[in-house]
Amino acid sequence: IFNWFVVALGISTFFVTGAVPALMNDPQQLLSGYVDVVTSSALGFVSTVDLAILCATAASLIPEDLERRGMTDSNKANA
């Protein structure tokens, strides 16, 4: 039950902050605002790079973790 609460809370933040309506109504303005923040603020740039590094690290560790847990399928095609 707690996991579903966390998922619902995470999804609701996109609606409460206005991210979903902004993406649906004017995605170009939202993207240009993001680019402005990243180029003008060191914190915005560092946060973006940090998120990219964390995502790449997690993505590279998941296959090894699944293999150690014995959850790999050798018959599956590699993409």
PDB file of N, CA and C in Angstrom:
ATOM      1  N   ILE A   1       0.835  -1.189   0.000  1.00  0.00           N
ATOM      2  CA  ILE A   1       0.000   0.000   0.000  1.00  0.00           C
ATOM      3  C   ILE A   1       0.876   1.246   0.000  1.00  0.00           C
ATOM      4  N   PHE A   2       1.955   1.210   0.766  1.00  0.00           N
ATOM      5  CA  PHE A   2       2.825   2.382   0.826  1.00  0.00           C
ATOM      6  C   PHE A   2       3.439   2.684  -0.540  1.00  0.00           C
ATOM      7  N   ASN A   3       3.825   1.638  -1.282  1.00  0.00           N
ATOM      8  CA  ASN A   3       4.423   1.844  -2.603  1.00  0.00           C
ATOM      9  C   ASN A   3       3.454   2.542  -3.543  1.00  0.00           C
ATOM     10  N   TRP A   4       2.180   2.135  -3.515  1.00  0.00           N
ATOM     11  CA  TRP A   4       1.185   2.777  -4.378  1.00  0.00           C
ATOM     12  C   TRP A   4       0.958   4.219  -3.976  1.00  0.00           C
ATOM     13  N   PHE A   5       1.045   4.494  -2.671  1.00  0.00           N
ATOM     14  CA  PHE A   5       0.912   5.870  -2.203  1.00  0.00           C
ATOM     15  C   PHE A   5       2.058   6.728  -2.730  1.00  0.00           C
ATOM     16  N   VAL A   6       3.264   6.199  -2.695  1.00  0.00           N
ATOM     17  CA  VAL A   6       4.428   6.937  -3.189  1.00  0.00           C
ATOM     18  C   VAL A   6       4.312   7.183  -4.695  1.00  0.00           C
ATOM     19  N   VAL A   7       3.850   6.184  -5.443  1.00  0.00           N
ATOM     20  CA  VAL A   7       3.666   6.339  -6.887  1.00  0.00           C
ATOM     21  C   VAL A   7       2.611   7.396  -7.172  1.00  0.00           C
ATOM     22  N   ALA A   8       1.485   7.346  -6.465  1.00  0.00           N
ATOM     23  CA  ALA A   8       0.422   8.330  -6.665  1.00  0.00           C
ATOM     24  C   ALA A   8       0.895   9.733  -6.304  1.00  0.00           C
ATOM     25  N   LEU A   9       1.656   9.841  -5.240  1.00  0.00           N
ATOM     26  CA  LEU A   9       2.187  11.144  -4.839  1.00  0.00           C
ATOM     27  C   LEU A   9       3.161  11.676  -5.878  1.00  0.00           C
ATOM     28  N   GLY A  10       3.996  10.802  -6.414  1.00  0.00           N
ATOM     29  CA  GLY A  10       4.952  11.222  -7.446  1.00  0.00           C
ATOM     30  C   GLY A  10       4.264  11.686  -8.712  1.00  0.00           C
ATOM     31  N   ILE A  11       3.222  10.966  -9.121  1.00  0.00           N
ATOM     32  CA  ILE A  11       2.490  11.359 -10.326  1.00  0.00           C
ATOM     33  C   ILE A  11       1.727  12.656 -10.103  1.00  0.00           C
ATOM     34  N   SER A  12       1.169  12.826  -8.907  1.00  0.00           N
ATOM     35  CA  SER A  12       0.398  14.042  -8.641  1.00  0.00           C
ATOM     36  C   SER A  12       1.267  15.289  -8.647  1.00  0.00           C
ATOM     37  N   THR A  13       2.560  15.148  -8.352  1.00  0.00           N
ATOM     38  CA  THR A  13       3.415  16.335  -8.350  1.00  0.00           C
ATOM     39  C   THR A  13       3.528  16.952  -9.743  1.00  0.00           C
ATOM     40  N   PHE A  14       3.454  16.124 -10.779  1.00  0.00           N
ATOM     41  CA  PHE A  14       3.508  16.665 -12.131  1.00  0.00           C
ATOM     42  C   PHE A  14       2.281  17.521 -12.433  1.00  0.00           C
ATOM     43  N   PHE A  15       1.131  17.152 -11.888  1.00  0.00           N
ATOM     44  CA  PHE A  15      -0.087  17.917 -12.115  1.00  0.00           C
ATOM     45  C   PHE A  15      -0.141  19.149 -11.214  1.00  0.00           C
ATOM     46  N   VAL A  16       0.284  19.009  -9.960  1.00  0.00           N
ATOM     47  CA  VAL A  16       0.228  20.125  -9.013  1.00  0.00           C
ATOM     48  C   VAL A  16       1.189  21.236  -9.415  1.00  0.00           C
ATOM     49  N   THR A  17       2.354  20.870  -9.905  1.00  0.00           N
ATOM     50  CA  THR A  17       3.334  21.886 -10.289  1.00  0.00           C
ATOM     51  C   THR A  17       3.019  22.523 -11.633  1.00  0.00           C
ATOM     52  N   GLY A  18       2.111  21.937 -12.384  1.00  0.00           N
ATOM     53  CA  GLY A  18       1.742  22.500 -13.678  1.00  0.00           C
ATOM     54  C   GLY A  18       2.598  22.004 -14.818  1.00  0.00           C
ATOM     55  N   ALA A  19       3.377  20.964 -14.602  1.00  0.00           N
ATOM     56  CA  ALA A  19       4.254  20.450 -15.652  1.00  0.00           C
ATOM     57  C   ALA A  19       3.461  19.799 -16.777  1.00  0.00           C
ATOM     58  N   VAL A  20       2.445  19.033 -16.439  1.00  0.00           N
ATOM     59  CA  VAL A  20       1.655  18.343 -17.470  1.00  0.00           C
ATOM     60  C   VAL A  20       0.884  19.337 -18.338  1.00  0.00           C
ATOM     61  N   PRO A  21       0.155  20.299 -17.739  1.00  0.00           N
ATOM     62  CA  PRO A  21      -0.524  21.278 -18.597  1.00  0.00           C
ATOM     63  C   PRO A  21       0.444  22.096 -19.447  1.00  0.00           C
ATOM     64  N   ALA A  22       1.597  22.429 -18.891  1.00  0.00           N
ATOM     65  CA  ALA A  22       2.575  23.197 -19.663  1.00  0.00           C
ATOM     66  C   ALA A  22       3.115  22.382 -20.831  1.00  0.00           C
ATOM     67  N   LEU A  23       3.344  21.089 -20.612  1.00  0.00           N
ATOM     68  CA  LEU A  23       3.816  20.230 -21.703  1.00  0.00           C
ATOM     69  C   LEU A  23       2.759  20.061 -22.785  1.00  0.00           C
ATOM     70  N   MET A  24       1.504  20.026 -22.381  1.00  0.00           N
ATOM     71  CA  MET A  24       0.435  19.827 -23.355  1.00  0.00           C
ATOM     72  C   MET A  24       0.095  21.118 -24.110  1.00  0.00           C
ATOM     73  N   ASN A  25       0.168  22.251 -23.429  1.00  0.00           N
ATOM     74  CA  ASN A  25      -0.236  23.513 -24.053  1.00  0.00           C
ATOM     75  C   ASN A  25       0.872  24.180 -24.841  1.00  0.00           C
ATOM     76  N   ASP A  26       2.066  24.281 -24.250  1.00  0.00           N
ATOM     77  CA  ASP A  26       3.153  24.996 -24.919  1.00  0.00           C
ATOM     78  C   ASP A  26       4.502  24.348 -24.594  1.00  0.00           C
ATOM     79  N   PRO A  27       4.800  23.212 -25.204  1.00  0.00           N
ATOM     80  CA  PRO A  27       6.063  22.535 -24.880  1.00  0.00           C
ATOM     81  C   PRO A  27       7.300  23.325 -25.324  1.00  0.00           C
ATOM     82  N   GLN A  28       7.177  24.103 -26.385  1.00  0.00           N
ATOM     83  CA  GLN A  28       8.326  24.886 -26.870  1.00  0.00           C
ATOM     84  C   GLN A  28       8.760  25.921 -25.835  1.00  0.00           C
ATOM     85  N   GLN A  29       7.800  26.592 -25.211  1.00  0.00           N
ATOM     86  CA  GLN A  29       8.135  27.593 -24.197  1.00  0.00           C
ATOM     87  C   GLN A  29       8.733  26.924 -22.962  1.00  0.00           C
ATOM     88  N   LEU A  30       8.210  25.763 -22.587  1.00  0.00           N
ATOM     89  CA  LEU A  30       8.745  25.037 -21.443  1.00  0.00           C
ATOM     90  C   LEU A  30      10.186  24.602 -21.698  1.00  0.00           C
ATOM     91  N   LEU A  31      10.456  24.109 -22.895  1.00  0.00           N
ATOM     92  CA  LEU A  31      11.806  23.687 -23.242  1.00  0.00           C
ATOM     93  C   LEU A  31      12.767  24.871 -23.300  1.00  0.00           C
ATOM     94  N   SER A  32      12.321  25.986 -23.869  1.00  0.00           N
ATOM     95  CA  SER A  32      13.202  27.155 -23.935  1.00  0.00           C
ATOM     96  C   SER A  32      13.468  27.715 -22.539  1.00  0.00           C
ATOM     97  N   GLY A  33      12.484  27.633 -21.640  1.00  0.00           N
ATOM     98  CA  GLY A  33      12.711  28.053 -20.258  1.00  0.00           C
ATOM     99  C   GLY A  33      13.720  27.166 -19.556  1.00  0.00           C
ATOM    100  N   TYR A  34      13.641  25.870 -19.834  1.00  0.00           N
ATOM    101  CA  TYR A  34      14.606  24.934 -19.251  1.00  0.00           C
ATOM    102  C   TYR A  34      16.016  25.229 -19.765  1.00  0.00           C
ATOM    103  N   VAL A  35      16.130  25.478 -21.052  1.00  0.00           N
ATOM    104  CA  VAL A  35      17.441  25.789 -21.632  1.00  0.00           C
ATOM    105  C   VAL A  35      17.984  27.086 -21.034  1.00  0.00           C
ATOM    106  N   ASP A  36      17.130  28.068 -20.818  1.00  0.00           N
ATOM    107  CA  ASP A  36      17.570  29.319 -20.193  1.00  0.00           C
ATOM    108  C   ASP A  36      18.106  29.088 -18.791  1.00  0.00           C
ATOM    109  N   VAL A  37      17.418  28.267 -18.011  1.00  0.00           N
ATOM    110  CA  VAL A  37      17.871  27.984 -16.644  1.00  0.00           C
ATOM    111  C   VAL A  37      19.202  27.246 -16.665  1.00  0.00           C
ATOM    112  N   VAL A  38      19.340  26.259 -17.552  1.00  0.00           N
ATOM    113  CA  VAL A  38      20.575  25.474 -17.601  1.00  0.00           C
ATOM    114  C   VAL A  38      21.758  26.325 -18.058  1.00  0.00           C
ATOM    115  N   THR A  39      21.535  27.211 -19.026  1.00  0.00           N
ATOM    116  CA  THR A  39      22.643  28.018 -19.532  1.00  0.00           C
ATOM    117  C   THR A  39      22.984  29.194 -18.638  1.00  0.00           C
ATOM    118  N   SER A  40      22.033  29.679 -17.843  1.00  0.00           N
ATOM    119  CA  SER A  40      22.306  30.873 -17.039  1.00  0.00           C
ATOM    120  C   SER A  40      22.644  30.555 -15.591  1.00  0.00           C
ATOM    121  N   SER A  41      22.357  29.342 -15.142  1.00  0.00           N
ATOM    122  CA  SER A  41      22.568  29.005 -13.740  1.00  0.00           C
ATOM    123  C   SER A  41      23.508  27.811 -13.624  1.00  0.00           C
ATOM    124  N   ALA A  42      24.513  27.969 -12.790  1.00  0.00           N
ATOM    125  CA  ALA A  42      25.452  26.866 -12.564  1.00  0.00           C
ATOM    126  C   ALA A  42      24.741  25.707 -11.865  1.00  0.00           C
ATOM    127  N   LEU A  43      23.815  26.017 -10.961  1.00  0.00           N
ATOM    128  CA  LEU A  43      23.092  24.970 -10.257  1.00  0.00           C
ATOM    129  C   LEU A  43      22.226  24.158 -11.214  1.00  0.00           C
ATOM    130  N   GLY A  44      21.590  24.822 -12.167  1.00  0.00           N
ATOM    131  CA  GLY A  44      20.777  24.119 -13.154  1.00  0.00           C
ATOM    132  C   GLY A  44      21.618  23.201 -14.021  1.00  0.00           C
ATOM    133  N   PHE A  45      22.782  23.680 -14.428  1.00  0.00           N
ATOM    134  CA  PHE A  45      23.672  22.875 -15.257  1.00  0.00           C
ATOM    135  C   PHE A  45      24.200  21.666 -14.496  1.00  0.00           C
ATOM    136  N   VAL A  46      24.657  21.887 -13.268  1.00  0.00           N
ATOM    137  CA  VAL A  46      25.218  20.796 -12.464  1.00  0.00           C
ATOM    138  C   VAL A  46      24.131  19.762 -12.140  1.00  0.00           C
ATOM    139  N   SER A  47      22.923  20.222 -11.864  1.00  0.00           N
ATOM    140  CA  SER A  47      21.829  19.290 -11.574  1.00  0.00           C
ATOM    141  C   SER A  47      21.500  18.435 -12.789  1.00  0.00           C
ATOM    142  N   THR A  48      21.525  19.025 -13.972  1.00  0.00           N
ATOM    143  CA  THR A  48      21.247  18.279 -15.191  1.00  0.00           C
ATOM    144  C   THR A  48      22.331  17.243 -15.466  1.00  0.00           C
ATOM    145  N   VAL A  49      23.570  17.632 -15.309  1.00  0.00           N
ATOM    146  CA  VAL A  49      24.680  16.692 -15.523  1.00  0.00           C
ATOM    147  C   VAL A  49      24.643  15.585 -14.477  1.00  0.00           C
ATOM    148  N   ASP A  50      24.338  15.938 -13.230  1.00  0.00           N
ATOM    149  CA  ASP A  50      24.257  14.949 -12.161  1.00  0.00           C
ATOM    150  C   ASP A  50      23.156  13.930 -12.442  1.00  0.00           C
ATOM    151  N   LEU A  51      21.996  14.391 -12.878  1.00  0.00           N
ATOM    152  CA  LEU A  51      20.903  13.476 -13.202  1.00  0.00           C
ATOM    153  C   LEU A  51      21.286  12.555 -14.359  1.00  0.00           C
ATOM    154  N   ALA A  52      21.966  13.091 -15.360  1.00  0.00           N
ATOM    155  CA  ALA A  52      22.384  12.268 -16.496  1.00  0.00           C
ATOM    156  C   ALA A  52      23.386  11.197 -16.060  1.00  0.00           C
ATOM    157  N   ILE A  53      24.323  11.563 -15.199  1.00  0.00           N
ATOM    158  CA  ILE A  53      25.314  10.601 -14.714  1.00  0.00           C
ATOM    159  C   ILE A  53      24.645   9.516 -13.867  1.00  0.00           C
ATOM    160  N   LEU A  54      23.723   9.921 -12.994  1.00  0.00           N
ATOM    161  CA  LEU A  54      23.027   8.933 -12.163  1.00  0.00           C
ATOM    162  C   LEU A  54      22.196   7.973 -13.000  1.00  0.00           C
ATOM    163  N   CYS A  55      21.511   8.484 -14.009  1.00  0.00           N
ATOM    164  CA  CYS A  55      20.700   7.618 -14.873  1.00  0.00           C
ATOM    165  C   CYS A  55      21.576   6.652 -15.662  1.00  0.00           C
ATOM    166  N   ALA A  56      22.694   7.138 -16.184  1.00  0.00           N
ATOM    167  CA  ALA A  56      23.590   6.270 -16.944  1.00  0.00           C
ATOM    168  C   ALA A  56      24.216   5.205 -16.048  1.00  0.00           C
ATOM    169  N   THR A  57      24.581   5.583 -14.831  1.00  0.00           N
ATOM    170  CA  THR A  57      25.169   4.625 -13.899  1.00  0.00           C
ATOM    171  C   THR A  57      24.156   3.549 -13.522  1.00  0.00           C
ATOM    172  N   ALA A  58      22.932   3.975 -13.202  1.00  0.00           N
ATOM    173  CA  ALA A  58      21.904   3.004 -12.822  1.00  0.00           C
ATOM    174  C   ALA A  58      21.594   2.067 -13.985  1.00  0.00           C
ATOM    175  N   ALA A  59      21.508   2.614 -15.189  1.00  0.00           N
ATOM    176  CA  ALA A  59      21.205   1.781 -16.357  1.00  0.00           C
ATOM    177  C   ALA A  59      22.318   0.775 -16.630  1.00  0.00           C
ATOM    178  N   SER A  60      23.547   1.140 -16.340  1.00  0.00           N
ATOM    179  CA  SER A  60      24.648   0.208 -16.589  1.00  0.00           C
ATOM    180  C   SER A  60      24.750  -0.863 -15.505  1.00  0.00           C
ATOM    181  N   LEU A  61      24.214  -0.603 -14.316  1.00  0.00           N
ATOM    182  CA  LEU A  61      24.306  -1.580 -13.232  1.00  0.00           C
ATOM    183  C   LEU A  61      23.127  -2.552 -13.184  1.00  0.00           C
ATOM    184  N   ILE A  62      22.023  -2.209 -13.799  1.00  0.00           N
ATOM    185  CA  ILE A  62      20.829  -3.055 -13.741  1.00  0.00           C
ATOM    186  C   ILE A  62      21.056  -4.432 -14.364  1.00  0.00           C
ATOM    187  N   PRO A  63      21.667  -4.556 -15.556  1.00  0.00           N
ATOM    188  CA  PRO A  63      21.868  -5.910 -16.114  1.00  0.00           C
ATOM    189  C   PRO A  63      22.708  -6.821 -15.208  1.00  0.00           C
ATOM    190  N   GLU A  64      23.744  -6.272 -14.600  1.00  0.00           N
ATOM    191  CA  GLU A  64      24.570  -7.086 -13.706  1.00  0.00           C
ATOM    192  C   GLU A  64      23.780  -7.522 -12.473  1.00  0.00           C
ATOM    193  N   ASP A  65      22.965  -6.623 -11.936  1.00  0.00           N
ATOM    194  CA  ASP A  65      22.149  -6.961 -10.783  1.00  0.00           C
ATOM    195  C   ASP A  65      21.147  -8.063 -11.119  1.00  0.00           C
ATOM    196  N   LEU A  66      20.517  -7.950 -12.273  1.00  0.00           N
ATOM    197  CA  LEU A  66      19.561  -8.983 -12.680  1.00  0.00           C
ATOM    198  C   LEU A  66      20.248 -10.327 -12.889  1.00  0.00           C
ATOM    199  N   GLU A  67      21.464 -10.302 -13.423  1.00  0.00           N
ATOM    200  CA  GLU A  67      22.205 -11.540 -13.631  1.00  0.00           C
ATOM    201  C   GLU A  67      22.560 -12.188 -12.300  1.00  0.00           C
ATOM    202  N   ARG A  68      22.973 -11.381 -11.331  1.00  0.00           N
ATOM    203  CA  ARG A  68      23.312 -11.923 -10.016  1.00  0.00           C
ATOM    204  C   ARG A  68      22.098 -12.515  -9.313  1.00  0.00           C
ATOM    205  N   ARG A  69      20.931 -11.958  -9.576  1.00  0.00           N
ATOM    206  CA  ARG A  69      19.708 -12.475  -8.970  1.00  0.00           C
ATOM    207  C   ARG A  69      19.144 -13.660  -9.751  1.00  0.00           C
ATOM    208  N   GLY A  70      19.752 -13.991 -10.875  1.00  0.00           N
ATOM    209  CA  GLY A  70      19.308 -15.116 -11.678  1.00  0.00           C
ATOM    210  C   GLY A  70      18.057 -14.808 -12.476  1.00  0.00           C
ATOM    211  N   MET A  71      17.885 -13.580 -12.882  1.00  0.00           N
ATOM    212  CA  MET A  71      16.673 -13.178 -13.589  1.00  0.00           C
ATOM    213  C   MET A  71      16.942 -12.868 -15.057  1.00  0.00           C
ATOM    214  N   THR A  72      18.026 -13.409 -15.621  1.00  0.00           N
ATOM    215  CA  THR A  72      18.314 -13.148 -17.023  1.00  0.00           C
ATOM    216  C   THR A  72      17.694 -14.238 -17.897  1.00  0.00           C
ATOM    217  N   ASP A  73      17.363 -13.865 -19.100  1.00  0.00           N
ATOM    218  CA  ASP A  73      16.774 -14.795 -20.058  1.00  0.00           C
ATOM    219  C   ASP A  73      17.745 -14.885 -21.224  1.00  0.00           C
ATOM    220  N   SER A  74      18.440 -16.012 -21.351  1.00  0.00           N
ATOM    221  CA  SER A  74      19.446 -16.157 -22.405  1.00  0.00           C
ATOM    222  C   SER A  74      18.820 -16.315 -23.774  1.00  0.00           C
ATOM    223  N   ASN A  75      17.549 -16.656 -23.851  1.00  0.00           N
ATOM    224  CA  ASN A  75      16.882 -16.827 -25.143  1.00  0.00           C
ATOM    225  C   ASN A  75      16.340 -15.528 -25.712  1.00  0.00           C
ATOM    226  N   LYS A  76      16.421 -14.483 -24.948  1.00  0.00           N
ATOM    227  CA  LYS A  76      15.880 -13.193 -25.375  1.00  0.00           C
ATOM    228  C   LYS A  76      16.888 -12.483 -26.276  1.00  0.00           C
ATOM    229  N   ALA A  77      16.378 -11.822 -27.309  1.00  0.00           N
ATOM    230  CA  ALA A  77      17.251 -11.094 -28.231  1.00  0.00           C
ATOM    231  C   ALA A  77      17.798  -9.851 -27.562  1.00  0.00           C
ATOM    232  N   ASN A  78      19.052  -9.561 -27.803  1.00  0.00           N
ATOM    233  CA  ASN A  78      19.673  -8.345 -27.278  1.00  0.00           C
ATOM    234  C   ASN A  78      19.449  -7.203 -28.249  1.00  0.00           C
ATOM    235  N   ALA A  79      18.961  -6.093 -27.721  1.00  0.00           N
ATOM    236  CA  ALA A  79      18.709  -4.937 -28.594  1.00  0.00           C
ATOM    237  C   ALA A  79      19.888  -4.009 -28.588  1.00  0.00           C
TER     238      ALA A  79
END
